[in-house]
Amino acid sequence: MPKFRISEAAELLGVSDDTVRRWIDSGRLTSTAKSGPQEVDGKALAELAIEIAKSVPDDRQTSVSARNRFVGLVTRVDIQGVAAIVEIQSGSHHMVSMITADSARALGLEVGSRAITSVKSTDVVVEKG
């Protein structure tokens, strides 16, 4: 069974090392090391990742066929002419999408706002969440 150091587990879950340590202290995750550097069991980490993903509220008003949804924060909106480049950070995932300038304005996208990216094939769909 694969094992991950705390820093690796944190990176995989998109949280800080301290958060992983708190989860170990509270019993949400178990450390496999009795002495030496703490490690987290890969299976337990995968189960927690699924639990975390399920806890993200799905506040869509309509159905979307895309299954790869990432909730994050807008880190950049660059509107030039009829196009806009929007960058969103979701945990360790950095998403970049080119949408119309009108869409970016209609969604009210600005740095620091919450947004959801939906990835389907080669397209990235941006929703305001």
C-alpha atoms as a PDB file:
ATOM      1  CA  MET A   1       0.000   0.000   0.000  1.00  0.00           C
ATOM      2  CA  PRO A   2       1.451   3.416  -0.917  1.00  0.00           C
ATOM      3  CA  LYS A   3       2.280   5.784   1.895  1.00  0.00           C
ATOM      4  CA  PHE A   4       2.661   9.552   1.716  1.00  0.00           C
ATOM      5  CA  ARG A   5       4.521  12.021   3.910  1.00  0.00           C
ATOM      6  CA  ILE A   6       2.401  14.758   5.423  1.00  0.00           C
ATOM      7  CA  SER A   7       3.632  17.325   2.880  1.00  0.00           C
ATOM      8  CA  GLU A   8       2.766  14.997  -0.019  1.00  0.00           C
ATOM      9  CA  ALA A   9      -0.683  14.260   1.434  1.00  0.00           C
ATOM     10  CA  ALA A  10      -1.316  17.987   1.860  1.00  0.00           C
ATOM     11  CA  GLU A  11      -0.347  18.687  -1.749  1.00  0.00           C
ATOM     12  CA  LEU A  12      -2.586  15.899  -3.055  1.00  0.00           C
ATOM     13  CA  LEU A  13      -5.576  17.193  -1.064  1.00  0.00           C
ATOM     14  CA  GLY A  14      -4.907  20.868  -1.775  1.00  0.00           C
ATOM     15  CA  VAL A  15      -4.543  21.787   1.909  1.00  0.00           C
ATOM     16  CA  SER A  16      -1.697  22.840   4.189  1.00  0.00           C
ATOM     17  CA  ASP A  17       0.630  20.508   6.088  1.00  0.00           C
ATOM     18  CA  ASP A  18      -0.869  21.872   9.313  1.00  0.00           C
ATOM     19  CA  THR A  19      -4.362  20.860   8.198  1.00  0.00           C
ATOM     20  CA  VAL A  20      -3.191  17.283   7.597  1.00  0.00           C
ATOM     21  CA  ARG A  21      -1.552  17.262  11.036  1.00  0.00           C
ATOM     22  CA  ARG A  22      -4.792  18.522  12.632  1.00  0.00           C
ATOM     23  CA  TRP A  23      -6.730  15.787  10.827  1.00  0.00           C
ATOM     24  CA  ILE A  24      -4.286  13.200  12.196  1.00  0.00           C
ATOM     25  CA  ASP A  25      -4.587  14.645  15.730  1.00  0.00           C
ATOM     26  CA  SER A  26      -8.404  14.607  15.522  1.00  0.00           C
ATOM     27  CA  GLY A  27      -8.544  11.078  14.081  1.00  0.00           C
ATOM     28  CA  ARG A  28      -9.892  12.076  10.664  1.00  0.00           C
ATOM     29  CA  LEU A  29      -6.677  10.608   9.173  1.00  0.00           C
ATOM     30  CA  THR A  30      -4.359   8.059  10.716  1.00  0.00           C
ATOM     31  CA  SER A  31      -0.610   8.220  10.693  1.00  0.00           C
ATOM     32  CA  THR A  32       1.109   4.918   9.998  1.00  0.00           C
ATOM     33  CA  ALA A  33       4.405   5.830  11.627  1.00  0.00           C
ATOM     34  CA  LYS A  34       4.963   4.948  15.274  1.00  0.00           C
ATOM     35  CA  SER A  35       8.330   6.731  15.218  1.00  0.00           C
ATOM     36  CA  GLY A  36      10.149   8.883  12.706  1.00  0.00           C
ATOM     37  CA  PRO A  37       8.440  10.934   9.993  1.00  0.00           C
ATOM     38  CA  GLN A  38       4.674  10.559   9.927  1.00  0.00           C
ATOM     39  CA  GLU A  39       3.133   8.963   6.865  1.00  0.00           C
ATOM     40  CA  VAL A  40      -0.467   8.613   5.738  1.00  0.00           C
ATOM     41  CA  ASP A  41      -1.831   5.458   4.136  1.00  0.00           C
ATOM     42  CA  GLY A  42      -2.668   5.987   0.426  1.00  0.00           C
ATOM     43  CA  LYS A  43      -6.032   4.212   0.687  1.00  0.00           C
ATOM     44  CA  ALA A  44      -7.118   6.360   3.633  1.00  0.00           C
ATOM     45  CA  LEU A  45      -5.978   9.449   1.745  1.00  0.00           C
ATOM     46  CA  ALA A  46      -8.020   8.462  -1.320  1.00  0.00           C
ATOM     47  CA  GLU A  47     -11.099   7.867   0.844  1.00  0.00           C
ATOM     48  CA  LEU A  48     -10.693  11.296   2.451  1.00  0.00           C
ATOM     49  CA  ALA A  49     -10.273  12.928  -0.976  1.00  0.00           C
ATOM     50  CA  ILE A  50     -13.596  11.404  -2.058  1.00  0.00           C
ATOM     51  CA  GLU A  51     -15.261  12.544   1.183  1.00  0.00           C
ATOM     52  CA  ILE A  52     -13.957  16.086   0.704  1.00  0.00           C
ATOM     53  CA  ALA A  53     -15.089  16.168  -2.943  1.00  0.00           C
ATOM     54  CA  LYS A  54     -18.593  15.059  -1.938  1.00  0.00           C
ATOM     55  CA  SER A  55     -18.799  17.777   0.718  1.00  0.00           C
ATOM     56  CA  VAL A  56     -18.392  20.597  -1.824  1.00  0.00           C
ATOM     57  CA  PRO A  57     -21.897  21.984  -2.256  1.00  0.00           C
ATOM     58  CA  ASP A  58     -23.360  21.634  -5.724  1.00  0.00           C
ATOM     59  CA  ASP A  59     -25.260  24.883  -6.016  1.00  0.00           C
ATOM     60  CA  ARG A  60     -25.922  24.709  -9.737  1.00  0.00           C
ATOM     61  CA  GLN A  61     -29.395  25.738 -10.775  1.00  0.00           C
ATOM     62  CA  THR A  62     -29.194  23.626 -13.931  1.00  0.00           C
ATOM     63  CA  SER A  63     -27.776  20.251 -14.849  1.00  0.00           C
ATOM     64  CA  VAL A  64     -24.402  20.096 -16.548  1.00  0.00           C
ATOM     65  CA  SER A  65     -23.014  16.997 -18.226  1.00  0.00           C
ATOM     66  CA  ALA A  66     -19.417  17.833 -17.256  1.00  0.00           C
ATOM     67  CA  ARG A  67     -18.291  15.819 -14.243  1.00  0.00           C
ATOM     68  CA  ASN A  68     -14.900  17.400 -13.575  1.00  0.00           C
ATOM     69  CA  ARG A  69     -15.866  20.449 -11.536  1.00  0.00           C
ATOM     70  CA  PHE A  70     -13.370  22.504  -9.564  1.00  0.00           C
ATOM     71  CA  VAL A  71     -14.527  25.119  -7.047  1.00  0.00           C
ATOM     72  CA  GLY A  72     -11.924  27.823  -6.558  1.00  0.00           C
ATOM     73  CA  LEU A  73     -10.988  31.468  -6.477  1.00  0.00           C
ATOM     74  CA  VAL A  74     -10.485  33.741  -9.444  1.00  0.00           C
ATOM     75  CA  THR A  75      -6.831  34.842  -9.483  1.00  0.00           C
ATOM     76  CA  ARG A  76      -6.807  36.787 -12.758  1.00  0.00           C
ATOM     77  CA  VAL A  77      -9.281  38.295 -15.213  1.00  0.00           C
ATOM     78  CA  ASP A  78      -7.749  39.869 -18.309  1.00  0.00           C
ATOM     79  CA  ILE A  79     -10.329  41.368 -20.657  1.00  0.00           C
ATOM     80  CA  GLN A  80      -8.994  42.506 -24.017  1.00  0.00           C
ATOM     81  CA  GLY A  81     -11.362  43.273 -26.834  1.00  0.00           C
ATOM     82  CA  VAL A  82     -13.984  40.548 -27.209  1.00  0.00           C
ATOM     83  CA  ALA A  83     -12.080  37.897 -25.210  1.00  0.00           C
ATOM     84  CA  ALA A  84     -11.240  37.385 -21.551  1.00  0.00           C
ATOM     85  CA  ILE A  85      -8.654  35.133 -19.972  1.00  0.00           C
ATOM     86  CA  VAL A  86      -9.785  33.872 -16.580  1.00  0.00           C
ATOM     87  CA  GLU A  87      -7.493  32.041 -14.155  1.00  0.00           C
ATOM     88  CA  ILE A  88      -8.878  30.077 -11.206  1.00  0.00           C
ATOM     89  CA  GLN A  89      -6.975  28.328  -8.409  1.00  0.00           C
ATOM     90  CA  SER A  90      -8.723  25.299  -6.909  1.00  0.00           C
ATOM     91  CA  GLY A  91      -6.480  23.644  -4.359  1.00  0.00           C
ATOM     92  CA  SER A  92      -3.419  22.557  -6.311  1.00  0.00           C
ATOM     93  CA  HIS A  93      -5.284  22.878  -9.621  1.00  0.00           C
ATOM     94  CA  HIS A  94      -4.645  25.986 -11.721  1.00  0.00           C
ATOM     95  CA  MET A  95      -7.295  26.470 -14.412  1.00  0.00           C
ATOM     96  CA  VAL A  96      -7.098  28.903 -17.309  1.00  0.00           C
ATOM     97  CA  SER A  97     -10.046  29.565 -19.586  1.00  0.00           C
ATOM     98  CA  MET A  98     -10.621  31.904 -22.491  1.00  0.00           C
ATOM     99  CA  ILE A  99     -14.220  33.103 -22.616  1.00  0.00           C
ATOM    100  CA  THR A 100     -15.947  36.060 -24.206  1.00  0.00           C
ATOM    101  CA  ALA A 101     -15.528  39.437 -22.554  1.00  0.00           C
ATOM    102  CA  ASP A 102     -19.334  39.713 -22.347  1.00  0.00           C
ATOM    103  CA  SER A 103     -19.495  36.404 -20.414  1.00  0.00           C
ATOM    104  CA  ALA A 104     -16.818  37.511 -17.952  1.00  0.00           C
ATOM    105  CA  ARG A 105     -18.687  40.761 -17.342  1.00  0.00           C
ATOM    106  CA  ALA A 106     -22.083  39.020 -17.062  1.00  0.00           C
ATOM    107  CA  LEU A 107     -20.668  36.577 -14.492  1.00  0.00           C
ATOM    108  CA  GLY A 108     -19.169  39.480 -12.566  1.00  0.00           C
ATOM    109  CA  LEU A 109     -15.810  37.718 -12.430  1.00  0.00           C
ATOM    110  CA  GLU A 110     -13.136  39.562 -10.507  1.00  0.00           C
ATOM    111  CA  VAL A 111     -10.007  38.603  -8.610  1.00  0.00           C
ATOM    112  CA  GLY A 112     -11.005  36.996  -5.320  1.00  0.00           C
ATOM    113  CA  SER A 113     -14.484  35.912  -6.377  1.00  0.00           C
ATOM    114  CA  ARG A 114     -15.592  32.278  -6.069  1.00  0.00           C
ATOM    115  CA  ALA A 115     -16.039  30.432  -9.340  1.00  0.00           C
ATOM    116  CA  ILE A 116     -16.472  26.900 -10.589  1.00  0.00           C
ATOM    117  CA  THR A 117     -14.662  25.460 -13.577  1.00  0.00           C
ATOM    118  CA  SER A 118     -16.177  22.513 -15.393  1.00  0.00           C
ATOM    119  CA  VAL A 119     -13.805  20.576 -17.591  1.00  0.00           C
ATOM    120  CA  LYS A 120     -15.139  18.458 -20.413  1.00  0.00           C
ATOM    121  CA  SER A 121     -12.795  17.226 -23.104  1.00  0.00           C
ATOM    122  CA  THR A 122     -10.645  20.187 -24.121  1.00  0.00           C
ATOM    123  CA  ASP A 123     -13.120  22.865 -23.022  1.00  0.00           C
ATOM    124  CA  VAL A 124     -13.156  24.623 -19.652  1.00  0.00           C
ATOM    125  CA  VAL A 125     -16.544  26.027 -18.687  1.00  0.00           C
ATOM    126  CA  VAL A 126     -16.629  28.823 -16.083  1.00  0.00           C
ATOM    127  CA  GLU A 127     -19.585  29.286 -13.715  1.00  0.00           C
ATOM    128  CA  LYS A 128     -19.990  31.858 -10.992  1.00  0.00           C
ATOM    129  CA  GLY A 129     -20.549  30.018  -7.731  1.00  0.00           C
END
